[in-house]
PDB file of N, CA and C in Angstrom:
ATOM      1  N   MET A   1      -8.558 -11.714  37.806  1.00  0.00           N
ATOM      2  CA  MET A   1      -7.988 -12.525  36.757  1.00  0.00           C
ATOM      3  C   MET A   1      -8.257 -11.879  35.398  1.00  0.00           C
ATOM      4  N   GLY A   2      -7.227 -11.753  34.572  1.00  0.00           N
ATOM      5  CA  GLY A   2      -7.341 -11.094  33.281  1.00  0.00           C
ATOM      6  C   GLY A   2      -7.965 -11.985  32.231  1.00  0.00           C
ATOM      7  N   ARG A   3      -8.171 -11.406  31.098  1.00  0.00           N
ATOM      8  CA  ARG A   3      -8.804 -12.102  29.983  1.00  0.00           C
ATOM      9  C   ARG A   3      -7.961 -13.259  29.465  1.00  0.00           C
ATOM     10  N   PHE A   4      -6.640 -13.150  29.551  1.00  0.00           N
ATOM     11  CA  PHE A   4      -5.743 -14.172  29.029  1.00  0.00           C
ATOM     12  C   PHE A   4      -4.996 -14.888  30.155  1.00  0.00           C
ATOM     13  N   ALA A   5      -5.614 -15.020  31.302  1.00  0.00           N
ATOM     14  CA  ALA A   5      -4.939 -15.588  32.458  1.00  0.00           C
ATOM     15  C   ALA A   5      -4.559 -17.043  32.245  1.00  0.00           C
ATOM     16  N   THR A   6      -5.300 -17.784  31.424  1.00  0.00           N
ATOM     17  CA  THR A   6      -5.024 -19.206  31.245  1.00  0.00           C
ATOM     18  C   THR A   6      -3.996 -19.472  30.157  1.00  0.00           C
ATOM     19  N   LEU A   7      -3.659 -18.469  29.369  1.00  0.00           N
ATOM     20  CA  LEU A   7      -2.684 -18.669  28.310  1.00  0.00           C
ATOM     21  C   LEU A   7      -1.264 -18.607  28.860  1.00  0.00           C
ATOM     22  N   PRO A   8      -0.349 -19.396  28.300  1.00  0.00           N
ATOM     23  CA  PRO A   8       1.039 -19.321  28.756  1.00  0.00           C
ATOM     24  C   PRO A   8       1.660 -17.990  28.361  1.00  0.00           C
ATOM     25  N   LYS A   9       2.546 -17.492  29.181  1.00  0.00           N
ATOM     26  CA  LYS A   9       3.195 -16.208  28.908  1.00  0.00           C
ATOM     27  C   LYS A   9       4.526 -16.458  28.212  1.00  0.00           C
ATOM     28  N   MET A  10       4.471 -16.478  26.879  1.00  0.00           N
ATOM     29  CA  MET A  10       5.671 -16.703  26.073  1.00  0.00           C
ATOM     30  C   MET A  10       5.868 -15.497  25.169  1.00  0.00           C
ATOM     31  N   ALA A  11       7.113 -15.168  24.941  1.00  0.00           N
ATOM     32  CA  ALA A  11       7.420 -14.064  24.025  1.00  0.00           C
ATOM     33  C   ALA A  11       6.997 -14.470  22.625  1.00  0.00           C
ATOM     34  N   GLY A  12       6.354 -13.573  21.920  1.00  0.00           N
ATOM     35  CA  GLY A  12       5.927 -13.858  20.560  1.00  0.00           C
ATOM     36  C   GLY A  12       4.594 -14.573  20.487  1.00  0.00           C
ATOM     37  N   SER A  13       3.935 -14.803  21.602  1.00  0.00           N
ATOM     38  CA  SER A  13       2.656 -15.488  21.585  1.00  0.00           C
ATOM     39  C   SER A  13       1.543 -14.518  21.212  1.00  0.00           C
ATOM     40  N   ILE A  14       0.369 -15.052  20.996  1.00  0.00           N
ATOM     41  CA  ILE A  14      -0.789 -14.220  20.680  1.00  0.00           C
ATOM     42  C   ILE A  14      -1.061 -13.264  21.833  1.00  0.00           C
ATOM     43  N   GLN A  15      -0.899 -13.765  23.048  1.00  0.00           N
ATOM     44  CA  GLN A  15      -1.148 -12.935  24.223  1.00  0.00           C
ATOM     45  C   GLN A  15      -0.235 -11.713  24.231  1.00  0.00           C
ATOM     46  N   SER A  16       1.044 -11.924  24.013  1.00  0.00           N
ATOM     47  CA  SER A  16       1.959 -10.783  24.039  1.00  0.00           C
ATOM     48  C   SER A  16       1.689  -9.839  22.880  1.00  0.00           C
ATOM     49  N   ALA A  17       1.253 -10.364  21.725  1.00  0.00           N
ATOM     50  CA  ALA A  17       0.925  -9.514  20.589  1.00  0.00           C
ATOM     51  C   ALA A  17      -0.282  -8.645  20.899  1.00  0.00           C
ATOM     52  N   LEU A  18      -1.297  -9.210  21.560  1.00  0.00           N
ATOM     53  CA  LEU A  18      -2.480  -8.434  21.901  1.00  0.00           C
ATOM     54  C   LEU A  18      -2.163  -7.371  22.941  1.00  0.00           C
ATOM     55  N   ILE A  19      -1.354  -7.727  23.910  1.00  0.00           N
ATOM     56  CA  ILE A  19      -1.001  -6.761  24.945  1.00  0.00           C
ATOM     57  C   ILE A  19      -0.170  -5.633  24.352  1.00  0.00           C
ATOM     58  N   SER A  20       0.816  -5.965  23.518  1.00  0.00           N
ATOM     59  CA  SER A  20       1.665  -4.926  22.949  1.00  0.00           C
ATOM     60  C   SER A  20       0.876  -4.037  22.006  1.00  0.00           C
ATOM     61  N   ARG A  21      -0.135  -4.582  21.342  1.00  0.00           N
ATOM     62  CA  ARG A  21      -0.951  -3.772  20.439  1.00  0.00           C
ATOM     63  C   ARG A  21      -1.781  -2.763  21.222  1.00  0.00           C
ATOM     64  N   ARG A  22      -2.240  -3.146  22.407  1.00  0.00           N
ATOM     65  CA  ARG A  22      -3.026  -2.233  23.231  1.00  0.00           C
ATOM     66  C   ARG A  22      -2.190  -1.066  23.730  1.00  0.00           C
ATOM     67  N   THR A  23      -0.939  -1.320  24.048  1.00  0.00           N
ATOM     68  CA  THR A  23      -0.096  -0.287  24.637  1.00  0.00           C
ATOM     69  C   THR A  23       0.705   0.487  23.598  1.00  0.00           C
ATOM     70  N   MET A  24       0.596   0.095  22.351  1.00  0.00           N
ATOM     71  CA  MET A  24       1.376   0.708  21.284  1.00  0.00           C
ATOM     72  C   MET A  24       0.839   2.105  20.965  1.00  0.00           C
ATOM     73  N   HIS A  25       1.725   3.039  20.623  1.00  0.00           N
ATOM     74  CA  HIS A  25       1.345   4.389  20.230  1.00  0.00           C
ATOM     75  C   HIS A  25       1.395   4.503  18.726  1.00  0.00           C
ATOM     76  N   TRP A  26       0.633   5.444  18.182  1.00  0.00           N
ATOM     77  CA  TRP A  26       0.628   5.657  16.750  1.00  0.00           C
ATOM     78  C   TRP A  26       1.994   6.155  16.286  1.00  0.00           C
ATOM     79  N   PRO A  27       2.517   5.601  15.171  1.00  0.00           N
ATOM     80  CA  PRO A  27       3.816   6.082  14.669  1.00  0.00           C
ATOM     81  C   PRO A  27       3.680   7.476  14.075  1.00  0.00           C
ATOM     82  N   ARG A  28       4.790   8.153  14.013  1.00  0.00           N
ATOM     83  CA  ARG A  28       4.795   9.471  13.392  1.00  0.00           C
ATOM     84  C   ARG A  28       4.588   9.341  11.888  1.00  0.00           C
ATOM     85  N   TRP A  29       4.192  10.445  11.248  1.00  0.00           N
ATOM     86  CA  TRP A  29       3.887  10.437   9.813  1.00  0.00           C
ATOM     87  C   TRP A  29       5.081  10.004   8.979  1.00  0.00           C
ATOM     88  N   THR A  30       6.283  10.418   9.349  1.00  0.00           N
ATOM     89  CA  THR A  30       7.467  10.035   8.563  1.00  0.00           C
ATOM     90  C   THR A  30       7.707   8.536   8.629  1.00  0.00           C
ATOM     91  N   GLU A  31       7.409   7.939   9.780  1.00  0.00           N
ATOM     92  CA  GLU A  31       7.564   6.485   9.893  1.00  0.00           C
ATOM     93  C   GLU A  31       6.568   5.764   8.994  1.00  0.00           C
ATOM     94  N   ILE A  32       5.360   6.304   8.878  1.00  0.00           N
ATOM     95  CA  ILE A  32       4.353   5.710   8.004  1.00  0.00           C
ATOM     96  C   ILE A  32       4.813   5.808   6.554  1.00  0.00           C
ATOM     97  N   MET A  33       5.320   6.973   6.150  1.00  0.00           N
ATOM     98  CA  MET A  33       5.775   7.151   4.782  1.00  0.00           C
ATOM     99  C   MET A  33       6.970   6.247   4.479  1.00  0.00           C
ATOM    100  N   ASP A  34       7.870   6.074   5.444  1.00  0.00           N
ATOM    101  CA  ASP A  34       8.994   5.171   5.261  1.00  0.00           C
ATOM    102  C   ASP A  34       8.499   3.749   5.053  1.00  0.00           C
ATOM    103  N   ASP A  35       7.469   3.362   5.812  1.00  0.00           N
ATOM    104  CA  ASP A  35       6.909   2.024   5.684  1.00  0.00           C
ATOM    105  C   ASP A  35       6.292   1.837   4.302  1.00  0.00           C
ATOM    106  N   ILE A  36       5.591   2.852   3.805  1.00  0.00           N
ATOM    107  CA  ILE A  36       4.988   2.780   2.477  1.00  0.00           C
ATOM    108  C   ILE A  36       6.068   2.645   1.409  1.00  0.00           C
ATOM    109  N   ALA A  37       7.138   3.405   1.547  1.00  0.00           N
ATOM    110  CA  ALA A  37       8.243   3.318   0.583  1.00  0.00           C
ATOM    111  C   ALA A  37       8.899   1.940   0.614  1.00  0.00           C
ATOM    112  N   GLU A  38       9.050   1.394   1.815  1.00  0.00           N
ATOM    113  CA  GLU A  38       9.645   0.058   1.934  1.00  0.00           C
ATOM    114  C   GLU A  38       8.743  -1.002   1.317  1.00  0.00           C
ATOM    115  N   ARG A  39       7.429  -0.864   1.524  1.00  0.00           N
ATOM    116  CA  ARG A  39       6.503  -1.835   0.934  1.00  0.00           C
ATOM    117  C   ARG A  39       6.481  -1.723  -0.580  1.00  0.00           C
ATOM    118  N   ALA A  40       6.588  -0.509  -1.115  1.00  0.00           N
ATOM    119  CA  ALA A  40       6.632  -0.332  -2.568  1.00  0.00           C
ATOM    120  C   ALA A  40       7.901  -0.965  -3.140  1.00  0.00           C
ATOM    121  N   GLN A  41       9.026  -0.779  -2.447  1.00  0.00           N
ATOM    122  CA  GLN A  41      10.284  -1.390  -2.892  1.00  0.00           C
ATOM    123  C   GLN A  41      10.186  -2.907  -2.845  1.00  0.00           C
ATOM    124  N   ALA A  42       9.585  -3.444  -1.793  1.00  0.00           N
ATOM    125  CA  ALA A  42       9.412  -4.897  -1.685  1.00  0.00           C
ATOM    126  C   ALA A  42       8.508  -5.414  -2.800  1.00  0.00           C
ATOM    127  N   ALA A  43       7.490  -4.649  -3.168  1.00  0.00           N
ATOM    128  CA  ALA A  43       6.606  -5.057  -4.259  1.00  0.00           C
ATOM    129  C   ALA A  43       7.366  -5.109  -5.578  1.00  0.00           C
ATOM    130  N   ARG A  44       8.261  -4.147  -5.788  1.00  0.00           N
ATOM    131  CA  ARG A  44       9.059  -4.146  -7.016  1.00  0.00           C
ATOM    132  C   ARG A  44       9.958  -5.374  -7.086  1.00  0.00           C
ATOM    133  N   GLU A  45      10.514  -5.773  -5.950  1.00  0.00           N
ATOM    134  CA  GLU A  45      11.472  -6.869  -5.923  1.00  0.00           C
ATOM    135  C   GLU A  45      10.805  -8.235  -5.955  1.00  0.00           C
ATOM    136  N   THR A  46       9.602  -8.355  -5.401  1.00  0.00           N
ATOM    137  CA  THR A  46       8.954  -9.665  -5.321  1.00  0.00           C
ATOM    138  C   THR A  46       7.919  -9.831  -6.421  1.00  0.00           C
ATOM    139  N   CYS A  47       6.775  -9.225  -6.273  1.00  0.00           N
ATOM    140  CA  CYS A  47       5.709  -9.321  -7.267  1.00  0.00           C
ATOM    141  C   CYS A  47       5.435  -7.930  -7.806  1.00  0.00           C
ATOM    142  N   PRO A  48       5.790  -7.671  -9.042  1.00  0.00           N
ATOM    143  CA  PRO A  48       5.655  -6.308  -9.567  1.00  0.00           C
ATOM    144  C   PRO A  48       4.228  -5.920  -9.926  1.00  0.00           C
ATOM    145  N   PHE A  49       3.267  -6.850  -9.847  1.00  0.00           N
ATOM    146  CA  PHE A  49       1.894  -6.543 -10.221  1.00  0.00           C
ATOM    147  C   PHE A  49       1.070  -6.200  -8.993  1.00  0.00           C
ATOM    148  N   LEU A  50       0.359  -5.069  -9.071  1.00  0.00           N
ATOM    149  CA  LEU A  50      -0.493  -4.613  -7.983  1.00  0.00           C
ATOM    150  C   LEU A  50      -1.949  -4.699  -8.419  1.00  0.00           C
ATOM    151  N   THR A  51      -2.836  -4.936  -7.457  1.00  0.00           N
ATOM    152  CA  THR A  51      -4.262  -4.878  -7.752  1.00  0.00           C
ATOM    153  C   THR A  51      -4.649  -3.419  -7.950  1.00  0.00           C
ATOM    154  N   ALA A  52      -5.873  -3.191  -8.390  1.00  0.00           N
ATOM    155  CA  ALA A  52      -6.331  -1.826  -8.623  1.00  0.00           C
ATOM    156  C   ALA A  52      -6.345  -1.033  -7.316  1.00  0.00           C
ATOM    157  N   LYS A  53      -6.758  -1.652  -6.231  1.00  0.00           N
ATOM    158  CA  LYS A  53      -6.783  -0.951  -4.945  1.00  0.00           C
ATOM    159  C   LYS A  53      -5.375  -0.615  -4.473  1.00  0.00           C
ATOM    160  N   GLN A  54      -4.432  -1.538  -4.650  1.00  0.00           N
ATOM    161  CA  GLN A  54      -3.043  -1.276  -4.262  1.00  0.00           C
ATOM    162  C   GLN A  54      -2.444  -0.181  -5.134  1.00  0.00           C
ATOM    163  N   ALA A  55      -2.738  -0.227  -6.436  1.00  0.00           N
ATOM    164  CA  ALA A  55      -2.209   0.785  -7.354  1.00  0.00           C
ATOM    165  C   ALA A  55      -2.781   2.159  -7.015  1.00  0.00           C
ATOM    166  N   ALA A  56      -4.073   2.216  -6.703  1.00  0.00           N
ATOM    167  CA  ALA A  56      -4.683   3.491  -6.335  1.00  0.00           C
ATOM    168  C   ALA A  56      -4.035   4.046  -5.069  1.00  0.00           C
ATOM    169  N   PHE A  57      -3.784   3.192  -4.102  1.00  0.00           N
ATOM    170  CA  PHE A  57      -3.129   3.622  -2.867  1.00  0.00           C
ATOM    171  C   PHE A  57      -1.721   4.120  -3.161  1.00  0.00           C
ATOM    172  N   HIS A  58      -1.009   3.405  -4.006  1.00  0.00           N
ATOM    173  CA  HIS A  58       0.361   3.774  -4.366  1.00  0.00           C
ATOM    174  C   HIS A  58       0.394   5.149  -5.040  1.00  0.00           C
ATOM    175  N   LEU A  59      -0.609   5.437  -5.858  1.00  0.00           N
ATOM    176  CA  LEU A  59      -0.666   6.712  -6.572  1.00  0.00           C
ATOM    177  C   LEU A  59      -1.302   7.831  -5.749  1.00  0.00           C
ATOM    178  N   GLY A  60      -1.933   7.473  -4.651  1.00  0.00           N
ATOM    179  CA  GLY A  60      -2.614   8.481  -3.843  1.00  0.00           C
ATOM    180  C   GLY A  60      -3.952   8.889  -4.440  1.00  0.00           C
ATOM    181  N   LEU A  61      -4.578   7.979  -5.181  1.00  0.00           N
ATOM    182  CA  LEU A  61      -5.875   8.228  -5.804  1.00  0.00           C
ATOM    183  C   LEU A  61      -6.942   7.372  -5.145  1.00  0.00           C
ATOM    184  N   ALA A  62      -8.176   7.764  -5.314  1.00  0.00           N
ATOM    185  CA  ALA A  62      -9.281   6.912  -4.892  1.00  0.00           C
ATOM    186  C   ALA A  62      -9.405   5.766  -5.895  1.00  0.00           C
ATOM    187  N   TYR A  63      -9.872   4.627  -5.421  1.00  0.00           N
ATOM    188  CA  TYR A  63     -10.059   3.463  -6.301  1.00  0.00           C
ATOM    189  C   TYR A  63     -10.983   3.824  -7.461  1.00  0.00           C
ATOM    190  N   SER A  64     -12.061   4.558  -7.161  1.00  0.00           N
ATOM    191  CA  SER A  64     -13.030   4.917  -8.207  1.00  0.00           C
ATOM    192  C   SER A  64     -12.400   5.831  -9.262  1.00  0.00           C
ATOM    193  N   THR A  65     -11.475   6.692  -8.852  1.00  0.00           N
ATOM    194  CA  THR A  65     -10.786   7.566  -9.799  1.00  0.00           C
ATOM    195  C   THR A  65      -9.913   6.746 -10.742  1.00  0.00           C
ATOM    196  N   LEU A  66      -9.169   5.789 -10.184  1.00  0.00           N
ATOM    197  CA  LEU A  66      -8.324   4.932 -11.022  1.00  0.00           C
ATOM    198  C   LEU A  66      -9.182   4.099 -11.972  1.00  0.00           C
ATOM    199  N   LYS A  67     -10.317   3.618 -11.481  1.00  0.00           N
ATOM    200  CA  LYS A  67     -11.226   2.839 -12.321  1.00  0.00           C
ATOM    201  C   LYS A  67     -11.741   3.690 -13.490  1.00  0.00           C
ATOM    202  N   ARG A  68     -12.127   4.942 -13.205  1.00  0.00           N
ATOM    203  CA  ARG A  68     -12.609   5.841 -14.250  1.00  0.00           C
ATOM    204  C   ARG A  68     -11.498   6.137 -15.256  1.00  0.00           C
ATOM    205  N   LEU A  69     -10.277   6.349 -14.770  1.00  0.00           N
ATOM    206  CA  LEU A  69      -9.148   6.590 -15.675  1.00  0.00           C
ATOM    207  C   LEU A  69      -8.906   5.377 -16.568  1.00  0.00           C
ATOM    208  N   ARG A  70      -9.039   4.174 -16.022  1.00  0.00           N
ATOM    209  CA  ARG A  70      -8.865   2.954 -16.816  1.00  0.00           C
ATOM    210  C   ARG A  70      -9.947   2.851 -17.874  1.00  0.00           C
ATOM    211  N   GLN A  71     -11.194   3.151 -17.505  1.00  0.00           N
ATOM    212  CA  GLN A  71     -12.312   3.022 -18.433  1.00  0.00           C
ATOM    213  C   GLN A  71     -12.238   4.043 -19.570  1.00  0.00           C
ATOM    214  N   THR A  72     -11.704   5.209 -19.293  1.00  0.00           N
ATOM    215  CA  THR A  72     -11.585   6.240 -20.329  1.00  0.00           C
ATOM    216  C   THR A  72     -10.282   6.135 -21.111  1.00  0.00           C
ATOM    217  N   GLY A  73      -9.373   5.268 -20.684  1.00  0.00           N
ATOM    218  CA  GLY A  73      -8.101   5.094 -21.377  1.00  0.00           C
ATOM    219  C   GLY A  73      -7.058   6.125 -21.008  1.00  0.00           C
ATOM    220  N   ASN A  74      -7.266   6.850 -19.905  1.00  0.00           N
ATOM    221  CA  ASN A  74      -6.327   7.895 -19.492  1.00  0.00           C
ATOM    222  C   ASN A  74      -5.417   7.472 -18.343  1.00  0.00           C
ATOM    223  N   GLY A  75      -5.602   6.287 -17.821  1.00  0.00           N
ATOM    224  CA  GLY A  75      -4.820   5.839 -16.680  1.00  0.00           C
ATOM    225  C   GLY A  75      -3.564   5.095 -17.094  1.00  0.00           C
ATOM    226  N   PRO A  76      -2.856   4.550 -16.110  1.00  0.00           N
ATOM    227  CA  PRO A  76      -1.659   3.762 -16.428  1.00  0.00           C
ATOM    228  C   PRO A  76      -2.032   2.460 -17.128  1.00  0.00           C
ATOM    229  N   LYS A  77      -1.068   1.887 -17.843  1.00  0.00           N
ATOM    230  CA  LYS A  77      -1.299   0.610 -18.519  1.00  0.00           C
ATOM    231  C   LYS A  77      -1.701  -0.431 -17.481  1.00  0.00           C
ATOM    232  N   CYS A  78      -2.641  -1.280 -17.868  1.00  0.00           N
ATOM    233  CA  CYS A  78      -3.064  -2.350 -16.960  1.00  0.00           C
ATOM    234  C   CYS A  78      -3.348  -3.611 -17.754  1.00  0.00           C
ATOM    235  N   ARG A  79      -3.433  -4.708 -17.036  1.00  0.00           N
ATOM    236  CA  ARG A  79      -3.658  -6.016 -17.644  1.00  0.00           C
ATOM    237  C   ARG A  79      -4.781  -6.715 -16.904  1.00  0.00           C
ATOM    238  N   LEU A  80      -5.545  -7.494 -17.621  1.00  0.00           N
ATOM    239  CA  LEU A  80      -6.612  -8.266 -17.004  1.00  0.00           C
ATOM    240  C   LEU A  80      -6.098  -9.677 -16.771  1.00  0.00           C
ATOM    241  N   HIS A  81      -5.874 -10.029 -15.520  1.00  0.00           N
ATOM    242  CA  HIS A  81      -5.425 -11.377 -15.143  1.00  0.00           C
ATOM    243  C   HIS A  81      -6.630 -12.096 -14.562  1.00  0.00           C
ATOM    244  N   GLY A  82      -7.232 -12.964 -15.348  1.00  0.00           N
ATOM    245  CA  GLY A  82      -8.463 -13.604 -14.897  1.00  0.00           C
ATOM    246  C   GLY A  82      -9.570 -12.562 -14.871  1.00  0.00           C
ATOM    247  N   ARG A  83     -10.110 -12.311 -13.671  1.00  0.00           N
ATOM    248  CA  ARG A  83     -11.141 -11.279 -13.525  1.00  0.00           C
ATOM    249  C   ARG A  83     -10.614 -10.040 -12.810  1.00  0.00           C
ATOM    250  N   THR A  84      -9.314  -9.991 -12.561  1.00  0.00           N
ATOM    251  CA  THR A  84      -8.722  -8.911 -11.779  1.00  0.00           C
ATOM    252  C   THR A  84      -7.804  -8.054 -12.645  1.00  0.00           C
ATOM    253  N   TRP A  85      -8.003  -6.747 -12.572  1.00  0.00           N
ATOM    254  CA  TRP A  85      -7.111  -5.826 -13.258  1.00  0.00           C
ATOM    255  C   TRP A  85      -5.842  -5.700 -12.445  1.00  0.00           C
ATOM    256  N   ARG A  86      -4.692  -5.823 -13.110  1.00  0.00           N
ATOM    257  CA  ARG A  86      -3.388  -5.708 -12.454  1.00  0.00           C
ATOM    258  C   ARG A  86      -2.576  -4.606 -13.125  1.00  0.00           C
ATOM    259  N   TYR A  87      -1.814  -3.912 -12.298  1.00  0.00           N
ATOM    260  CA  TYR A  87      -0.959  -2.819 -12.761  1.00  0.00           C
ATOM    261  C   TYR A  87       0.482  -3.165 -12.436  1.00  0.00           C
ATOM    262  N   HIS A  88       1.346  -3.060 -13.431  1.00  0.00           N
ATOM    263  CA  HIS A  88       2.767  -3.292 -13.200  1.00  0.00           C
ATOM    264  C   HIS A  88       3.339  -2.031 -12.556  1.00  0.00           C
ATOM    265  N   ILE A  89       4.174  -2.205 -11.563  1.00  0.00           N
ATOM    266  CA  ILE A  89       4.716  -1.073 -10.807  1.00  0.00           C
ATOM    267  C   ILE A  89       5.493  -0.118 -11.722  1.00  0.00           C
ATOM    268  N   ALA A  90       6.192  -0.644 -12.708  1.00  0.00           N
ATOM    269  CA  ALA A  90       6.944   0.207 -13.637  1.00  0.00           C
ATOM    270  C   ALA A  90       5.996   1.050 -14.496  1.00  0.00           C
ATOM    271  N   ASP A  91       4.848   0.465 -14.905  1.00  0.00           N
ATOM    272  CA  ASP A  91       3.867   1.214 -15.689  1.00  0.00           C
ATOM    273  C   ASP A  91       3.234   2.330 -14.863  1.00  0.00           C
ATOM    274  N   ILE A  92       2.987   2.048 -13.592  1.00  0.00           N
ATOM    275  CA  ILE A  92       2.408   3.058 -12.706  1.00  0.00           C
ATOM    276  C   ILE A  92       3.362   4.240 -12.554  1.00  0.00           C
ATOM    277  N   GLU A  93       4.625   3.932 -12.307  1.00  0.00           N
ATOM    278  CA  GLU A  93       5.607   4.998 -12.108  1.00  0.00           C
ATOM    279  C   GLU A  93       5.887   5.762 -13.392  1.00  0.00           C
ATOM    280  N   ALA A  94       5.870   5.079 -14.541  1.00  0.00           N
ATOM    281  CA  ALA A  94       6.068   5.763 -15.818  1.00  0.00           C
ATOM    282  C   ALA A  94       4.897   6.696 -16.111  1.00  0.00           C
ATOM    283  N   TRP A  95       3.676   6.247 -15.837  1.00  0.00           N
ATOM    284  CA  TRP A  95       2.492   7.077 -16.049  1.00  0.00           C
ATOM    285  C   TRP A  95       2.543   8.299 -15.135  1.00  0.00           C
ATOM    286  N   SER A  96       2.927   8.079 -13.903  1.00  0.00           N
ATOM    287  CA  SER A  96       3.012   9.178 -12.942  1.00  0.00           C
ATOM    288  C   SER A  96       4.094  10.183 -13.358  1.00  0.00           C
ATOM    289  N   ALA A  97       5.245   9.685 -13.801  1.00  0.00           N
ATOM    290  CA  ALA A  97       6.334  10.577 -14.218  1.00  0.00           C
ATOM    291  C   ALA A  97       5.945  11.382 -15.455  1.00  0.00           C
ATOM    292  N   ALA A  98       5.170  10.773 -16.364  1.00  0.00           N
ATOM    293  CA  ALA A  98       4.753  11.481 -17.577  1.00  0.00           C
ATOM    294  C   ALA A  98       3.786  12.621 -17.247  1.00  0.00           C
ATOM    295  N   ARG A  99       3.092  12.526 -16.134  1.00  0.00           N
ATOM    296  CA  ARG A  99       2.143  13.569 -15.726  1.00  0.00           C
ATOM    297  C   ARG A  99       2.767  14.617 -14.836  1.00  0.00           C
ATOM    298  N   ALA A 100       4.069  14.511 -14.564  1.00  0.00           N
ATOM    299  CA  ALA A 100       4.732  15.467 -13.668  1.00  0.00           C
ATOM    300  C   ALA A 100       4.785  16.845 -14.306  1.00  0.00           C
ATOM    301  N   ARG A 101       4.650  17.835 -13.455  1.00  0.00           N
ATOM    302  CA  ARG A 101       4.729  19.226 -13.909  1.00  0.00           C
ATOM    303  C   ARG A 101       5.707  19.961 -13.033  1.00  0.00           C
ATOM    304  N   GLY A 102       6.125  21.127 -13.452  1.00  0.00           N
ATOM    305  CA  GLY A 102       7.053  21.940 -12.684  1.00  0.00           C
ATOM    306  C   GLY A 102       6.501  22.226 -11.293  1.00  0.00           C
ATOM    307  N   GLY A 103       7.377  22.175 -10.305  1.00  0.00           N
ATOM    308  CA  GLY A 103       6.917  22.355  -8.947  1.00  0.00           C
ATOM    309  C   GLY A 103       7.576  23.519  -8.229  1.00  0.00           C
ATOM    310  N   HIS A 104       8.051  24.489  -8.947  1.00  0.00           N
ATOM    311  CA  HIS A 104       8.719  25.618  -8.300  1.00  0.00           C
ATOM    312  C   HIS A 104       7.712  26.758  -8.132  1.00  0.00           C
ATOM    313  N   HIS A 105       7.141  26.838  -6.935  1.00  0.00           N
ATOM    314  CA  HIS A 105       6.178  27.896  -6.607  1.00  0.00           C
ATOM    315  C   HIS A 105       6.803  28.781  -5.565  1.00  0.00           C
ATOM    316  N   GLY A 106       7.399  29.816  -5.938  1.00  0.00           N
ATOM    317  CA  GLY A 106       7.851  30.617  -4.877  1.00  0.00           C
ATOM    318  C   GLY A 106       9.017  31.413  -5.003  1.00  0.00           C
TER     319      GLY A 106
END
């Protein structure tokens, strides 16, 4: 008898989610990047403000690096909402675009 023998076998149940998670394979890197792009687009459309950890992930920086950039005044514009620093997605992308450099090596 299995671990979930007493649970009903319904599609979409917790049991089926646990079983499918066990048998699931890791997605390819391009699928992960597509998912990140889709989540960034959804953030722009729904709530444009990201926490510091979300903004650091979006920029590909460590949280501590973004924190240091904020403290020195060299990072993207941010706002203090209550006790949480928030970054607007447009400010993050504008800051990133302003730091772009030529990429033709070769």
